Amino acid sequence: MDSPVQQLVPPVVIISACGLLCLAQFARYSGIISRLRSLHHERFTGLTKLPSLSGHEYELMNNRCEHIEVQTHRILELAKLIQKALLLLVMAVICMIVSSLMIGLGHIWPTVGQYGSVAAFITGLLCMLTSMLFVLAELWASLRIVSDEHEHIETIGSIQEENP
């Protein structure tokens, strides 16, 4: 039988890995939230300018405001994916802490400690895996949003060239 210190190594390593993943996802989440706030500000500014515009300028600003509304909804979905990933990473850390506690309990109450630590460890790994699937989904969707924005800006640019 391994010593308690040896048994605690896997959960501690997973806790460290989850911590690094959380740090990266919190940074990503923060960037997404900042982008949403920026878009809300831009849309609000555009909507307040609309009454004073006319003709082609009105159409461009109205089109931009509509596009921003669509874009903010899509970006909010990205934020929700990252939020789910973060929640699962935190759950994984909690499971690894419980696993560590169960390893310690196993020296007092072997049966409960052994099965409890394994169950908590596996649950933590499943939370971590599911979290990474949410991150993968967010990465996949984020490029589509940026591509849509790029196409929209190019369309506006071509309209500007046609109507100087």
C-alpha atoms as a PDB file:
ATOM      1  CA  MET A   1       0.000   0.000   0.000  1.00  0.00           C
ATOM      2  CA  ASP A   2       1.259   3.456  -0.921  1.00  0.00           C
ATOM      3  CA  SER A   3       1.896   6.028   1.758  1.00  0.00           C
ATOM      4  CA  PRO A   4      -0.739   8.776   2.225  1.00  0.00           C
ATOM      5  CA  VAL A   5       1.613  11.312   0.646  1.00  0.00           C
ATOM      6  CA  GLN A   6       1.991   9.170  -2.478  1.00  0.00           C
ATOM      7  CA  GLN A   7      -1.767   8.690  -2.684  1.00  0.00           C
ATOM      8  CA  LEU A   8      -2.325  12.457  -2.481  1.00  0.00           C
ATOM      9  CA  VAL A   9      -0.080  13.249  -5.470  1.00  0.00           C
ATOM     10  CA  PRO A  10      -2.649  12.634  -8.270  1.00  0.00           C
ATOM     11  CA  PRO A  11      -5.417  14.818  -6.769  1.00  0.00           C
ATOM     12  CA  VAL A  12      -2.925  17.584  -5.975  1.00  0.00           C
ATOM     13  CA  VAL A  13      -1.545  17.536  -9.526  1.00  0.00           C
ATOM     14  CA  ILE A  14      -5.091  17.678 -10.948  1.00  0.00           C
ATOM     15  CA  ILE A  15      -5.920  20.587  -8.617  1.00  0.00           C
ATOM     16  CA  SER A  16      -2.883  22.466  -9.967  1.00  0.00           C
ATOM     17  CA  ALA A  17      -3.864  21.700 -13.558  1.00  0.00           C
ATOM     18  CA  CYS A  18      -7.431  22.881 -12.923  1.00  0.00           C
ATOM     19  CA  GLY A  19      -6.047  26.056 -11.368  1.00  0.00           C
ATOM     20  CA  LEU A  20      -4.075  26.846 -14.523  1.00  0.00           C
ATOM     21  CA  LEU A  21      -7.055  26.056 -16.727  1.00  0.00           C
ATOM     22  CA  CYS A  22      -9.276  28.270 -14.542  1.00  0.00           C
ATOM     23  CA  LEU A  23      -6.793  31.114 -14.844  1.00  0.00           C
ATOM     24  CA  ALA A  24      -6.815  30.877 -18.634  1.00  0.00           C
ATOM     25  CA  GLN A  25     -10.609  30.629 -18.808  1.00  0.00           C
ATOM     26  CA  PHE A  26     -11.114  33.532 -16.390  1.00  0.00           C
ATOM     27  CA  ALA A  27      -8.910  35.650 -18.654  1.00  0.00           C
ATOM     28  CA  ARG A  28     -10.940  34.571 -21.688  1.00  0.00           C
ATOM     29  CA  TYR A  29     -14.212  35.228 -19.826  1.00  0.00           C
ATOM     30  CA  SER A  30     -13.014  38.672 -18.791  1.00  0.00           C
ATOM     31  CA  GLY A  31     -12.112  39.503 -22.394  1.00  0.00           C
ATOM     32  CA  ILE A  32     -15.525  38.400 -23.612  1.00  0.00           C
ATOM     33  CA  ILE A  33     -17.307  40.467 -20.961  1.00  0.00           C
ATOM     34  CA  SER A  34     -15.191  43.512 -21.877  1.00  0.00           C
ATOM     35  CA  ARG A  35     -16.065  43.030 -25.538  1.00  0.00           C
ATOM     36  CA  LEU A  36     -19.773  42.812 -24.681  1.00  0.00           C
ATOM     37  CA  ARG A  37     -19.609  46.038 -22.691  1.00  0.00           C
ATOM     38  CA  SER A  38     -17.794  47.756 -25.540  1.00  0.00           C
ATOM     39  CA  LEU A  39     -20.404  46.608 -28.049  1.00  0.00           C
ATOM     40  CA  HIS A  40     -23.232  47.745 -25.767  1.00  0.00           C
ATOM     41  CA  HIS A  41     -21.616  51.160 -25.520  1.00  0.00           C
ATOM     42  CA  GLU A  42     -21.151  51.362 -29.289  1.00  0.00           C
ATOM     43  CA  ARG A  43     -24.761  50.338 -29.896  1.00  0.00           C
ATOM     44  CA  PHE A  44     -26.082  52.833 -27.334  1.00  0.00           C
ATOM     45  CA  THR A  45     -24.027  55.619 -28.920  1.00  0.00           C
ATOM     46  CA  GLY A  46     -25.281  54.643 -32.377  1.00  0.00           C
ATOM     47  CA  LEU A  47     -28.903  54.519 -31.277  1.00  0.00           C
ATOM     48  CA  THR A  48     -28.641  57.983 -29.710  1.00  0.00           C
ATOM     49  CA  LYS A  49     -27.171  59.376 -32.961  1.00  0.00           C
ATOM     50  CA  LEU A  50     -29.812  57.786 -35.226  1.00  0.00           C
ATOM     51  CA  PRO A  51     -32.459  60.541 -34.849  1.00  0.00           C
ATOM     52  CA  SER A  52     -29.988  63.154 -36.076  1.00  0.00           C
ATOM     53  CA  LEU A  53     -28.959  61.178 -39.171  1.00  0.00           C
ATOM     54  CA  SER A  54     -30.660  60.836 -42.524  1.00  0.00           C
ATOM     55  CA  GLY A  55     -30.351  58.963 -45.792  1.00  0.00           C
ATOM     56  CA  HIS A  56     -27.265  56.835 -46.324  1.00  0.00           C
ATOM     57  CA  GLU A  57     -25.733  57.694 -42.933  1.00  0.00           C
ATOM     58  CA  TYR A  58     -28.935  56.631 -41.179  1.00  0.00           C
ATOM     59  CA  GLU A  59     -28.971  53.316 -43.053  1.00  0.00           C
ATOM     60  CA  LEU A  60     -25.334  52.599 -42.204  1.00  0.00           C
ATOM     61  CA  MET A  61     -25.754  53.421 -38.510  1.00  0.00           C
ATOM     62  CA  ASN A  62     -29.032  51.516 -38.240  1.00  0.00           C
ATOM     63  CA  ASN A  63     -27.461  48.508 -39.982  1.00  0.00           C
ATOM     64  CA  ARG A  64     -24.475  48.651 -37.619  1.00  0.00           C
ATOM     65  CA  CYS A  65     -26.731  48.844 -34.550  1.00  0.00           C
ATOM     66  CA  GLU A  66     -28.739  45.845 -35.759  1.00  0.00           C
ATOM     67  CA  HIS A  67     -25.565  43.887 -36.436  1.00  0.00           C
ATOM     68  CA  ILE A  68     -24.217  44.746 -32.979  1.00  0.00           C
ATOM     69  CA  GLU A  69     -27.420  43.435 -31.409  1.00  0.00           C
ATOM     70  CA  VAL A  70     -27.052  40.105 -33.220  1.00  0.00           C
ATOM     71  CA  GLN A  71     -23.360  39.962 -32.376  1.00  0.00           C
ATOM     72  CA  THR A  72     -23.907  40.652 -28.664  1.00  0.00           C
ATOM     73  CA  HIS A  73     -26.332  37.744 -28.446  1.00  0.00           C
ATOM     74  CA  ARG A  74     -23.773  35.439 -30.063  1.00  0.00           C
ATOM     75  CA  ILE A  75     -20.964  36.670 -27.828  1.00  0.00           C
ATOM     76  CA  LEU A  76     -23.182  36.205 -24.785  1.00  0.00           C
ATOM     77  CA  GLU A  77     -23.521  32.561 -25.800  1.00  0.00           C
ATOM     78  CA  LEU A  78     -19.711  32.310 -25.802  1.00  0.00           C
ATOM     79  CA  ALA A  79     -19.630  33.774 -22.311  1.00  0.00           C
ATOM     80  CA  LYS A  80     -22.152  31.163 -21.177  1.00  0.00           C
ATOM     81  CA  LEU A  81     -19.964  28.364 -22.552  1.00  0.00           C
ATOM     82  CA  ILE A  82     -16.918  29.708 -20.706  1.00  0.00           C
ATOM     83  CA  GLN A  83     -18.995  30.149 -17.546  1.00  0.00           C
ATOM     84  CA  LYS A  84     -20.068  26.485 -17.728  1.00  0.00           C
ATOM     85  CA  ALA A  85     -16.457  25.445 -18.282  1.00  0.00           C
ATOM     86  CA  LEU A  86     -15.356  27.457 -15.247  1.00  0.00           C
ATOM     87  CA  LEU A  87     -18.097  26.007 -13.064  1.00  0.00           C
ATOM     88  CA  LEU A  88     -17.070  22.499 -14.048  1.00  0.00           C
ATOM     89  CA  LEU A  89     -13.402  23.241 -13.376  1.00  0.00           C
ATOM     90  CA  VAL A  90     -14.296  24.500  -9.908  1.00  0.00           C
ATOM     91  CA  MET A  91     -16.373  21.335  -9.380  1.00  0.00           C
ATOM     92  CA  ALA A  92     -13.358  19.275 -10.447  1.00  0.00           C
ATOM     93  CA  VAL A  93     -11.212  21.037  -7.833  1.00  0.00           C
ATOM     94  CA  ILE A  94     -13.870  20.380  -5.192  1.00  0.00           C
ATOM     95  CA  CYS A  95     -13.972  16.702  -6.182  1.00  0.00           C
ATOM     96  CA  MET A  96     -10.180  16.466  -5.946  1.00  0.00           C
ATOM     97  CA  ILE A  97     -10.267  18.043  -2.476  1.00  0.00           C
ATOM     98  CA  VAL A  98     -12.944  15.542  -1.436  1.00  0.00           C
ATOM     99  CA  SER A  99     -10.815  12.755  -2.922  1.00  0.00           C
ATOM    100  CA  SER A 100      -7.851  13.951  -0.857  1.00  0.00           C
ATOM    101  CA  LEU A 101      -9.990  14.037   2.277  1.00  0.00           C
ATOM    102  CA  MET A 102     -11.245  10.534   1.539  1.00  0.00           C
ATOM    103  CA  ILE A 103      -7.674   9.301   1.159  1.00  0.00           C
ATOM    104  CA  GLY A 104      -6.979  10.646   4.648  1.00  0.00           C
ATOM    105  CA  LEU A 105     -10.235   9.148   5.934  1.00  0.00           C
ATOM    106  CA  GLY A 106      -9.179   5.829   4.427  1.00  0.00           C
ATOM    107  CA  HIS A 107      -6.574   5.443   7.148  1.00  0.00           C
ATOM    108  CA  ILE A 108      -9.301   5.583   9.778  1.00  0.00           C
ATOM    109  CA  TRP A 109     -12.170   3.961   7.882  1.00  0.00           C
ATOM    110  CA  PRO A 110     -10.588   2.017   4.987  1.00  0.00           C
ATOM    111  CA  THR A 111     -13.653   0.924   3.017  1.00  0.00           C
ATOM    112  CA  VAL A 112     -15.376   4.318   2.937  1.00  0.00           C
ATOM    113  CA  GLY A 113     -12.116   6.152   2.286  1.00  0.00           C
ATOM    114  CA  GLN A 114     -11.048   3.909  -0.567  1.00  0.00           C
ATOM    115  CA  TYR A 115     -14.333   3.924  -2.474  1.00  0.00           C
ATOM    116  CA  GLY A 116     -15.074   7.561  -1.681  1.00  0.00           C
ATOM    117  CA  SER A 117     -11.677   8.755  -2.903  1.00  0.00           C
ATOM    118  CA  VAL A 118     -11.942   6.816  -6.157  1.00  0.00           C
ATOM    119  CA  ALA A 119     -15.520   8.021  -6.786  1.00  0.00           C
ATOM    120  CA  ALA A 120     -14.580  11.657  -6.092  1.00  0.00           C
ATOM    121  CA  PHE A 121     -11.443  11.380  -8.252  1.00  0.00           C
ATOM    122  CA  ILE A 122     -13.328   9.932 -11.224  1.00  0.00           C
ATOM    123  CA  THR A 123     -16.120  12.503 -10.839  1.00  0.00           C
ATOM    124  CA  GLY A 124     -13.509  15.272 -10.808  1.00  0.00           C
ATOM    125  CA  LEU A 125     -11.888  13.956 -13.972  1.00  0.00           C
ATOM    126  CA  LEU A 126     -15.296  13.772 -15.683  1.00  0.00           C
ATOM    127  CA  CYS A 127     -15.998  17.383 -14.661  1.00  0.00           C
ATOM    128  CA  MET A 128     -12.630  18.397 -16.073  1.00  0.00           C
ATOM    129  CA  LEU A 129     -13.292  16.542 -19.339  1.00  0.00           C
ATOM    130  CA  THR A 130     -16.740  18.101 -19.728  1.00  0.00           C
ATOM    131  CA  SER A 131     -15.261  21.513 -19.004  1.00  0.00           C
ATOM    132  CA  MET A 132     -12.767  21.097 -21.812  1.00  0.00           C
ATOM    133  CA  LEU A 133     -15.601  20.150 -24.173  1.00  0.00           C
ATOM    134  CA  PHE A 134     -17.285  23.481 -23.352  1.00  0.00           C
ATOM    135  CA  VAL A 135     -13.977  25.256 -24.036  1.00  0.00           C
ATOM    136  CA  LEU A 136     -13.736  23.432 -27.357  1.00  0.00           C
ATOM    137  CA  ALA A 137     -17.289  24.507 -28.256  1.00  0.00           C
ATOM    138  CA  GLU A 138     -16.455  28.118 -27.352  1.00  0.00           C
ATOM    139  CA  LEU A 139     -13.318  28.073 -29.500  1.00  0.00           C
ATOM    140  CA  TRP A 140     -15.270  26.656 -32.401  1.00  0.00           C
ATOM    141  CA  ALA A 141     -18.041  29.276 -32.128  1.00  0.00           C
ATOM    142  CA  SER A 142     -15.766  32.269 -31.508  1.00  0.00           C
ATOM    143  CA  LEU A 143     -14.162  32.094 -34.940  1.00  0.00           C
ATOM    144  CA  ARG A 144     -17.596  32.125 -36.600  1.00  0.00           C
ATOM    145  CA  ILE A 145     -18.489  35.324 -34.748  1.00  0.00           C
ATOM    146  CA  VAL A 146     -15.268  37.043 -35.799  1.00  0.00           C
ATOM    147  CA  SER A 147     -15.784  35.872 -39.394  1.00  0.00           C
ATOM    148  CA  ASP A 148     -19.331  37.286 -39.412  1.00  0.00           C
ATOM    149  CA  GLU A 149     -18.065  40.619 -38.096  1.00  0.00           C
ATOM    150  CA  HIS A 150     -15.336  40.698 -40.744  1.00  0.00           C
ATOM    151  CA  GLU A 151     -17.859  40.009 -43.525  1.00  0.00           C
ATOM    152  CA  HIS A 152     -20.196  42.681 -42.165  1.00  0.00           C
ATOM    153  CA  ILE A 153     -17.418  45.297 -42.112  1.00  0.00           C
ATOM    154  CA  GLU A 154     -16.391  44.345 -45.653  1.00  0.00           C
ATOM    155  CA  THR A 155     -20.022  44.728 -46.787  1.00  0.00           C
ATOM    156  CA  ILE A 156     -20.212  48.174 -45.208  1.00  0.00           C
ATOM    157  CA  GLY A 157     -16.929  49.083 -46.884  1.00  0.00           C
ATOM    158  CA  SER A 158     -18.190  48.049 -50.311  1.00  0.00           C
ATOM    159  CA  ILE A 159     -21.426  50.016 -49.762  1.00  0.00           C
ATOM    160  CA  GLN A 160     -19.346  53.075 -48.755  1.00  0.00           C
ATOM    161  CA  GLU A 161     -17.318  52.769 -51.979  1.00  0.00           C
ATOM    162  CA  GLU A 162     -20.502  52.580 -54.082  1.00  0.00           C
ATOM    163  CA  ASN A 163     -22.073  55.621 -52.345  1.00  0.00           C
ATOM    164  CA  PRO A 164     -19.298  58.151 -51.745  1.00  0.00           C
END
